[in-house]
Structures are given as C-alpha cells and as structure tokens.
Amino acid sequence: MKRELVENVWTFMDKTAALVGKLEEDRFSQEMHANCLELGMQSPIEDLFWMACHAMCKSQFIEVNPGPVYDKTGELEHGYGVFITPQANIGSYRVDFAIEQYGIGPKEFLSPVVVELDGHDFHDKDKRQRSYEKARDRFLVKSGYKVLHFTGSDVVADPFKVAFEALSMIGLYCNSGVTNYNPADPFGSGY
C-alpha cells in the first residue's frame, strides 16, 4: 500500500522549507560577501562571475572548492567538484580565474578553463599590453587550458550566462540534461 502524507504534514513541510530556504539564503550571502573581500578578486565583474559560478554549481548539487576526501584505502585524494581559483598563477602569468573539475566528468576530455574578464581598461590597452595578452593566451593553450574572454558588459548583462559558458566547458552539465542556457531559467531547474 502506498503511503501518502496528510495535509498538516504538507503544511509543516512548506513552512519548514521556507525557513530552511531563508537560512540557506543568508548563508550564501554571507559566504559570497566574505569570498569577494578575502579571495583577491579585483573588480565588481569578478565578484559577479564568482557568485554566478557558485550559484550555477549549487543548482547542480556540485561543491565548489571541496576539501580532500579519503578513498577506499584511506588515502587522501581530491574532493569531487569544481575548483575555481581567482587570480590564479599559471607559469609566470596571472589569470582572472582558473576553473577545473574533479570527479564530475571525464577528466581526459575536459580541459581546465581560464576565464579572463576584460573590463573598460581592456579597450584602452596599447600594443605592448595586447602583445603580452596574446603571448599569455598562447602559453595557456599550449599548457592544456581552454581560454575564454568576456567583456565587462557581457558579465554585467548576464553573469549567469557567462558562468554557464565557462562551467559547460569543464563538464558541469554533462549528466544533467541541461544543454542550453535559458535566461528565463538560468539554473535549468524548470521553476
């Protein structure tokens, strides 16, 4: 016989879900505030990208920057999730964000991604600065990274879209059924 919940249980569940949702909202806000101040991000567009990436990962039940876990033999290994490093050093270069995954998709097919967010200063760069950026991009590609550039206008217009593009490239959505970005439903949740 199939058991069904009675009306007062449904009512209590809805009330409890709203309370838990508020707690989660407060925790997320506090965590993002602390991250934006403490992790070395240098501009509002970097803050927006960081928050959008976290929200997109959370919508797929994927942890961001998980701690190590013990494997079956008791040895420490990488935690499963998405690793996002703001202001990452790769070789002699610094990039806005380095993004990798571990355990959420086939590592051998999903290269790590470098995301560069080009603010207003980007358009005023001189020939030497543009040459430096091109050399950096070539080094990163040779080192196995996919390199994505977004304008500050792209990020401000829709931080979720930019995060979706970057996270798609490391396989965040490979098992979710989400194949395209929908601005009306950025998490692909159908709500």
Protein backbone atom coordinates (compact mmCIF):
# COMPACT_ATOMS: atom_id res chain seq x y z
CA MET A 1 0.00 0.00 0.00
CA LYS A 2 1.28 3.44 -0.96
CA ARG A 3 1.59 5.87 1.92
CA GLU A 4 0.53 9.49 1.44
CA LEU A 5 1.30 12.49 3.60
CA VAL A 6 -1.58 14.12 5.40
CA GLU A 7 -2.45 17.79 4.96
CA ASN A 8 -0.88 19.06 8.20
CA VAL A 9 2.41 17.35 7.28
CA TRP A 10 2.38 19.08 3.87
CA THR A 11 1.66 22.41 5.56
CA PHE A 12 4.50 21.94 8.04
CA MET A 13 6.85 20.86 5.22
CA ASP A 14 6.09 24.05 3.25
CA LYS A 15 6.67 26.19 6.35
CA THR A 16 9.92 24.37 7.16
CA ALA A 17 11.13 24.59 3.55
CA ALA A 18 10.62 28.38 3.62
CA LEU A 19 12.57 28.67 6.89
CA VAL A 20 15.42 26.47 5.63
CA GLY A 21 15.42 28.44 2.37
CA LYS A 22 15.88 31.67 4.30
CA LEU A 23 18.78 30.14 6.27
CA GLU A 24 20.42 29.00 3.03
CA GLU A 25 19.88 32.44 1.50
CA ASP A 26 21.59 34.11 4.47
CA ARG A 27 24.49 31.61 4.45
CA PHE A 28 25.05 32.02 0.72
CA SER A 29 25.02 35.81 1.01
CA GLN A 30 27.48 35.80 3.91
CA GLU A 31 29.79 33.33 2.16
CA MET A 32 29.81 35.33 -1.09
CA HIS A 33 30.42 38.59 0.79
CA ALA A 34 33.40 37.11 2.62
CA ASN A 35 34.76 35.47 -0.56
CA CYS A 36 34.59 38.69 -2.56
CA LEU A 37 36.56 40.53 0.13
CA GLU A 38 39.08 37.81 1.01
CA LEU A 39 39.97 35.86 -2.14
CA GLY A 40 41.77 38.54 -4.10
CA MET A 41 39.16 39.38 -6.70
CA GLN A 42 39.85 42.83 -8.03
CA SER A 43 36.69 44.16 -9.62
CA PRO A 44 32.89 44.07 -9.49
CA ILE A 45 32.75 41.96 -12.66
CA GLU A 46 34.96 39.34 -10.98
CA ASP A 47 32.63 39.38 -7.96
CA LEU A 48 29.60 38.86 -10.21
CA PHE A 49 31.26 36.00 -12.09
CA TRP A 50 32.32 34.32 -8.81
CA MET A 51 28.80 34.48 -7.37
CA ALA A 52 27.19 33.26 -10.60
CA CYS A 53 29.58 30.28 -10.79
CA HIS A 54 28.80 29.32 -7.20
CA ALA A 55 25.05 29.56 -7.79
CA MET A 56 25.26 27.53 -11.01
CA CYS A 57 27.28 24.80 -9.27
CA LYS A 58 24.88 24.78 -6.33
CA SER A 59 21.96 24.36 -8.73
CA GLN A 60 23.62 21.15 -9.99
CA PHE A 61 24.49 19.93 -6.45
CA ILE A 62 28.20 20.32 -7.21
CA GLU A 63 30.51 21.58 -4.50
CA VAL A 64 32.89 24.46 -5.22
CA ASN A 65 36.47 24.08 -3.98
CA PRO A 66 35.78 20.91 -1.99
CA GLY A 67 38.25 19.73 0.59
CA PRO A 68 40.11 16.45 0.17
CA VAL A 69 38.39 13.13 0.88
CA TYR A 70 39.65 9.72 1.86
CA ASP A 71 39.47 6.99 -0.76
CA LYS A 72 38.61 3.35 -0.01
CA THR A 73 42.19 2.63 1.07
CA GLY A 74 42.33 5.57 3.48
CA GLU A 75 44.49 7.74 1.22
CA LEU A 76 43.64 11.41 0.71
CA GLU A 77 42.51 12.44 -2.76
CA HIS A 78 40.88 15.47 -4.36
CA GLY A 79 37.32 16.17 -3.32
CA TYR A 80 34.74 15.85 -6.08
CA GLY A 81 33.52 19.11 -7.54
CA VAL A 82 34.53 22.28 -9.29
CA PHE A 83 37.70 24.13 -8.36
CA ILE A 84 37.60 27.86 -9.04
CA THR A 85 40.74 29.87 -8.32
CA PRO A 86 40.54 33.65 -8.64
CA GLN A 87 43.77 35.47 -9.54
CA ALA A 88 45.47 32.16 -10.31
CA ASN A 89 49.16 31.94 -11.17
CA ILE A 90 49.86 29.67 -14.13
CA GLY A 91 53.50 29.62 -15.12
CA SER A 92 54.68 33.21 -14.99
CA TYR A 93 51.20 34.55 -15.78
CA ARG A 94 48.29 35.60 -13.59
CA VAL A 95 44.75 34.96 -14.83
CA ASP A 96 41.42 36.20 -13.53
CA PHE A 97 40.06 32.68 -12.92
CA ALA A 98 41.25 29.12 -13.41
CA ILE A 99 38.45 26.53 -13.36
CA GLU A 100 38.84 22.76 -13.20
CA GLN A 101 36.70 19.81 -12.23
CA TYR A 102 37.46 16.58 -10.49
CA GLY A 103 35.09 13.64 -10.47
CA ILE A 104 32.13 15.24 -12.23
CA GLY A 105 33.08 14.40 -15.80
CA PRO A 106 35.70 12.61 -17.87
CA LYS A 107 38.95 14.38 -16.91
CA GLU A 108 40.72 13.15 -20.04
CA PHE A 109 38.26 15.04 -22.29
CA LEU A 110 37.55 18.13 -20.19
CA SER A 111 40.44 20.58 -20.14
CA PRO A 112 40.70 23.18 -17.41
CA VAL A 113 39.44 26.63 -18.36
CA VAL A 114 40.94 30.07 -17.87
CA VAL A 115 38.45 32.92 -17.76
CA GLU A 116 39.57 36.46 -18.43
CA LEU A 117 37.11 39.26 -17.72
CA ASP A 118 38.07 42.30 -19.75
CA GLY A 119 36.79 45.49 -18.13
CA HIS A 120 36.82 49.01 -19.53
CA ASP A 121 40.63 49.16 -19.37
CA PHE A 122 40.78 46.33 -21.94
CA HIS A 123 39.79 48.64 -24.81
CA ASP A 124 42.48 51.19 -23.93
CA LYS A 125 45.42 48.78 -23.99
CA ASP A 126 48.44 49.67 -26.02
CA LYS A 127 50.25 47.44 -28.49
CA ARG A 128 52.66 46.09 -25.82
CA GLN A 129 49.79 45.09 -23.49
CA ARG A 130 47.88 43.39 -26.31
CA SER A 131 51.04 41.50 -27.32
CA TYR A 132 51.52 40.34 -23.71
CA GLU A 133 47.92 39.06 -23.58
CA LYS A 134 48.30 37.17 -26.85
CA ALA A 135 51.54 35.56 -25.63
CA ARG A 136 49.82 34.61 -22.36
CA ASP A 137 46.88 33.06 -24.20
CA ARG A 138 49.23 31.03 -26.42
CA PHE A 139 51.12 29.79 -23.34
CA LEU A 140 47.87 28.80 -21.61
CA VAL A 141 46.57 26.91 -24.66
CA LYS A 142 49.91 25.08 -25.03
CA SER A 143 49.65 24.21 -21.31
CA GLY A 144 46.29 22.49 -21.87
CA TYR A 145 43.85 25.25 -20.89
CA LYS A 146 40.88 26.50 -22.83
CA VAL A 147 40.89 30.30 -22.67
CA LEU A 148 37.69 32.34 -22.60
CA HIS A 149 37.49 36.14 -22.70
CA PHE A 150 34.35 38.01 -21.71
CA THR A 151 33.80 41.74 -21.68
CA GLY A 152 32.69 43.50 -18.55
CA SER A 153 29.47 44.32 -20.42
CA ASP A 154 28.88 40.57 -21.00
CA VAL A 155 29.24 39.88 -17.29
CA VAL A 156 27.07 42.79 -16.14
CA ALA A 157 24.35 41.99 -18.69
CA ASP A 158 24.01 38.35 -17.57
CA PRO A 159 26.51 36.88 -15.08
CA PHE A 160 24.73 33.52 -15.22
CA LYS A 161 25.20 33.24 -18.99
CA VAL A 162 28.95 33.86 -18.70
CA ALA A 163 29.22 31.34 -15.84
CA PHE A 164 27.17 28.80 -17.83
CA GLU A 165 29.55 29.04 -20.80
CA ALA A 166 32.65 28.63 -18.63
CA LEU A 167 31.23 25.82 -16.48
CA SER A 168 29.87 23.96 -19.52
CA MET A 169 33.41 23.68 -20.83
CA ILE A 170 34.52 21.73 -17.75
CA GLY A 171 31.51 19.41 -17.84
CA LEU A 172 29.24 20.82 -15.13
CA TYR A 173 26.16 19.93 -17.14
CA CYS A 174 27.36 16.66 -18.70
CA ASN A 175 24.97 14.50 -16.64
CA SER A 176 22.17 16.97 -16.02
CA GLY A 177 20.21 17.10 -19.25
CA VAL A 178 20.80 20.87 -19.41
CA THR A 179 22.21 21.60 -22.85
CA ASN A 180 21.47 25.27 -23.48
CA TYR A 181 21.35 28.40 -21.39
CA ASN A 182 17.93 29.92 -20.82
CA PRO A 183 17.96 33.42 -19.31
CA ALA A 184 14.41 32.92 -18.03
CA ASP A 185 15.59 29.81 -16.13
CA PRO A 186 19.35 30.21 -15.60
CA PHE A 187 19.64 27.12 -13.39
CA GLY A 188 17.76 24.87 -15.81
CA SER A 189 15.52 23.84 -12.95
CA GLY A 190 12.17 24.36 -14.65
CA TYR A 191 10.90 26.63 -11.85
